Structure formats: structure tokens, C-alpha cells
Amino acid sequence: MNDQSLPMERIDITSKVYGKFDQNSMNLFLNKEQIGRILFTNEGNRYEFSDGFEFDQDRIFRYERAMEKNGRYVEDCDLGWC
């Protein structure tokens, strides 16, 4: 089974995201990677995120492939280390 066939999970990462102000916007980071920004305009805030991230109902989410419930290390024990 390859990773592309695994379903996507939506993970709430709101508490791990921090922001840094930059003129009329706030850049958003997860660890040290910029994942998006909030643009402050007269028409209201505009949210922009990198692929795989989403803002929904005041929360920030990351999409990632679900882990296999029965990992490959258990399925193929012919090497003797599992």
C-alpha cells in the first residue's frame, strides 16, 4: 500500500501556531516554517495558507496522510527485529 492510497486526516494545530507582525499582515509559523499569513485590510482580514493547511471556525488545521493502523513493521516480520 503506498502513501497516496491512505486517507487524509485533519489535525488541529492551532495551539502550535504562532504569528509575527509584518506591516499590514501577520505571518503564521508552525515550528520555524511559514505556513500562511493574515492580511489586514479595510474590507476585513484575509487568510492565506500553504497547501495542506486550512483556517476553519477560528481554528488552524493541517492535512496529512493517516498512519496505517497495522504498520508494515508488524506485517512483514521476516527480518526478525519486529
C-alpha atoms as a PDB file:
ATOM      1  CA  MET A   1       0.000   0.000   0.000  1.00  0.00           C
ATOM      2  CA  ASN A   2       1.536   3.354  -0.969  1.00  0.00           C
ATOM      3  CA  ASP A   3       1.079   6.625   0.942  1.00  0.00           C
ATOM      4  CA  GLN A   4      -1.182   8.106  -1.763  1.00  0.00           C
ATOM      5  CA  SER A   5      -3.863   5.495  -1.054  1.00  0.00           C
ATOM      6  CA  LEU A   6      -4.067   6.374   2.650  1.00  0.00           C
ATOM      7  CA  PRO A   7      -6.904   8.726   3.665  1.00  0.00           C
ATOM      8  CA  MET A   8      -6.172  12.302   4.727  1.00  0.00           C
ATOM      9  CA  GLU A   9      -6.573  13.326   8.372  1.00  0.00           C
ATOM     10  CA  ARG A  10      -7.380  16.863   9.505  1.00  0.00           C
ATOM     11  CA  ILE A  11      -5.239  17.704  12.557  1.00  0.00           C
ATOM     12  CA  ASP A  12      -5.955  20.753  14.749  1.00  0.00           C
ATOM     13  CA  ILE A  13      -2.618  22.581  15.154  1.00  0.00           C
ATOM     14  CA  THR A  14      -3.978  25.899  16.453  1.00  0.00           C
ATOM     15  CA  SER A  15      -2.065  25.778  19.746  1.00  0.00           C
ATOM     16  CA  LYS A  16       1.241  25.130  17.918  1.00  0.00           C
ATOM     17  CA  VAL A  17       0.983  28.078  15.502  1.00  0.00           C
ATOM     18  CA  TYR A  18       2.495  31.472  16.292  1.00  0.00           C
ATOM     19  CA  GLY A  19       2.468  34.771  14.425  1.00  0.00           C
ATOM     20  CA  LYS A  20       4.861  37.618  13.682  1.00  0.00           C
ATOM     21  CA  PHE A  21       3.609  41.039  12.590  1.00  0.00           C
ATOM     22  CA  ASP A  22       4.884  42.415   9.271  1.00  0.00           C
ATOM     23  CA  GLN A  23       3.356  45.816   8.331  1.00  0.00           C
ATOM     24  CA  ASN A  24      -0.269  45.068   7.285  1.00  0.00           C
ATOM     25  CA  SER A  25      -0.133  41.339   7.889  1.00  0.00           C
ATOM     26  CA  MET A  26       0.770  38.640  10.363  1.00  0.00           C
ATOM     27  CA  ASN A  27       2.941  35.767   9.143  1.00  0.00           C
ATOM     28  CA  LEU A  28       1.960  32.409  10.656  1.00  0.00           C
ATOM     29  CA  PHE A  29       4.502  29.737  11.567  1.00  0.00           C
ATOM     30  CA  LEU A  30       4.480  26.104  12.627  1.00  0.00           C
ATOM     31  CA  ASN A  31       7.822  25.311  14.212  1.00  0.00           C
ATOM     32  CA  LYS A  32      10.063  27.572  12.096  1.00  0.00           C
ATOM     33  CA  GLU A  33       8.216  27.046   8.796  1.00  0.00           C
ATOM     34  CA  GLN A  34       5.896  29.759   7.495  1.00  0.00           C
ATOM     35  CA  ILE A  35       2.522  28.155   6.772  1.00  0.00           C
ATOM     36  CA  GLY A  36       0.444  31.218   5.947  1.00  0.00           C
ATOM     37  CA  ARG A  37      -0.463  34.780   6.748  1.00  0.00           C
ATOM     38  CA  ILE A  38      -3.345  37.014   7.721  1.00  0.00           C
ATOM     39  CA  LEU A  39      -3.669  40.188   5.657  1.00  0.00           C
ATOM     40  CA  PHE A  40      -5.334  43.097   7.464  1.00  0.00           C
ATOM     41  CA  THR A  41      -7.409  45.181   5.005  1.00  0.00           C
ATOM     42  CA  ASN A  42     -10.166  47.766   5.226  1.00  0.00           C
ATOM     43  CA  GLU A  43     -12.558  45.087   3.932  1.00  0.00           C
ATOM     44  CA  GLY A  44     -11.574  42.697   6.742  1.00  0.00           C
ATOM     45  CA  ASN A  45      -8.975  40.043   7.355  1.00  0.00           C
ATOM     46  CA  ARG A  46      -7.906  37.739   4.512  1.00  0.00           C
ATOM     47  CA  TYR A  47      -6.351  34.372   5.350  1.00  0.00           C
ATOM     48  CA  GLU A  48      -3.796  32.734   3.057  1.00  0.00           C
ATOM     49  CA  PHE A  49      -2.312  29.302   3.795  1.00  0.00           C
ATOM     50  CA  SER A  50       0.211  26.972   2.175  1.00  0.00           C
ATOM     51  CA  ASP A  51      -1.064  23.746   0.618  1.00  0.00           C
ATOM     52  CA  GLY A  52      -2.127  21.273   3.285  1.00  0.00           C
ATOM     53  CA  PHE A  53      -3.265  23.929   5.810  1.00  0.00           C
ATOM     54  CA  GLU A  54      -6.715  25.423   6.434  1.00  0.00           C
ATOM     55  CA  PHE A  55      -8.406  28.008   8.644  1.00  0.00           C
ATOM     56  CA  ASP A  56     -11.922  26.968   9.731  1.00  0.00           C
ATOM     57  CA  GLN A  57     -14.110  28.252  12.587  1.00  0.00           C
ATOM     58  CA  ASP A  58     -11.234  30.120  14.283  1.00  0.00           C
ATOM     59  CA  ARG A  59      -9.002  27.014  14.225  1.00  0.00           C
ATOM     60  CA  ILE A  60      -5.970  26.134  12.075  1.00  0.00           C
ATOM     61  CA  PHE A  61      -5.730  22.625  10.619  1.00  0.00           C
ATOM     62  CA  ARG A  62      -3.059  20.603   8.822  1.00  0.00           C
ATOM     63  CA  TYR A  63      -3.960  17.790   6.452  1.00  0.00           C
ATOM     64  CA  GLU A  64      -1.707  14.740   6.470  1.00  0.00           C
ATOM     65  CA  ARG A  65      -1.885  11.115   5.422  1.00  0.00           C
ATOM     66  CA  ALA A  66      -3.366   8.822   8.060  1.00  0.00           C
ATOM     67  CA  MET A  67      -0.952   6.300   9.529  1.00  0.00           C
ATOM     68  CA  GLU A  68      -1.660   2.671   8.864  1.00  0.00           C
ATOM     69  CA  LYS A  69      -3.291   1.044  11.879  1.00  0.00           C
ATOM     70  CA  ASN A  70      -1.246  -2.137  11.419  1.00  0.00           C
ATOM     71  CA  GLY A  71       2.174  -0.839  10.494  1.00  0.00           C
ATOM     72  CA  ARG A  72       4.330  -2.567   7.902  1.00  0.00           C
ATOM     73  CA  TYR A  73       6.928  -3.469  10.525  1.00  0.00           C
ATOM     74  CA  VAL A  74       4.416  -5.852  12.079  1.00  0.00           C
ATOM     75  CA  GLU A  75       3.094  -7.282   8.805  1.00  0.00           C
ATOM     76  CA  ASP A  76       6.490  -8.399   7.436  1.00  0.00           C
ATOM     77  CA  CYS A  77       8.399  -9.920  10.324  1.00  0.00           C
ATOM     78  CA  ASP A  78      10.805 -11.976   8.208  1.00  0.00           C
ATOM     79  CA  LEU A  79      13.814  -9.886   9.368  1.00  0.00           C
ATOM     80  CA  GLY A  80      13.303 -10.898  12.989  1.00  0.00           C
ATOM     81  CA  TRP A  81      13.532  -7.427  14.521  1.00  0.00           C
ATOM     82  CA  CYS A  82       9.822  -6.683  14.961  1.00  0.00           C
END
